[in-house]
Amino acid sequence: MVNLTLYTVKAVVMLDSEGGRVLAKYFGADYTSPKDQKAFEKGLYDKTKRAPHGEILLFDNQVVLYRFHEDVFFYIVGMPEENEAMLLVILNAFSDAVSMLLRHQISKRVILENLDLVVLALDETIDEGIVLETDSSAIVARVSKPRENLSDVPLSEQTLIQAYQTAKEKFGTALLK
């Protein structure tokens, strides 16, 4: 019998064209030490560098889906019994969201310059191995959401400086009336 679980992703890894880590996030008990992670990433890169246009493989008893953009590999790692179509949807959502956030300029340099946005996109897509969102537009909307007006935030949820700024603005508008 298949064990049904929400934990579908074991790792998300981004490697450059030479096998160096750009971003990696591991979920679960596998690959807990940096040494294990580096060994896994090196083996994964060695297996996929010859076929950058491939999309799926079985590596280290895990299903790996990957995509190559300019000089960066995107990898999604799941259990061998995981649905490959679902993993592909996750890979597409994350890589499309990154592409939209970086204005379709996916290169190692641009990713590292905007690493905060890429990590936020990953966090909006997957949390502790559980898929949160598969719509790239929704991911981009959450990551690039404009700052809300501080006057709409209750005073109890504002920092001291924010509360001071809000009070100053309200006092200023009250005096002008």
Foldseek 3Di string as FASTA:
>chain_A
DDDDDLQFFQKKFKAFLVLHGLDIDGFDDPPPDPVNVSVQSVVVCVVCNVPQPDAWDQDPQWIWGWHDDPTMIIITIGHNPHDPVVSVLLSCLLVVLVCVVLVNDDHSVSCNVPVVLSVQLVCCQDDSRGGNDSHNVVSNCVSPPDDDDLLVPDPVPDDPVSNVVNVVVVVVVVVVD
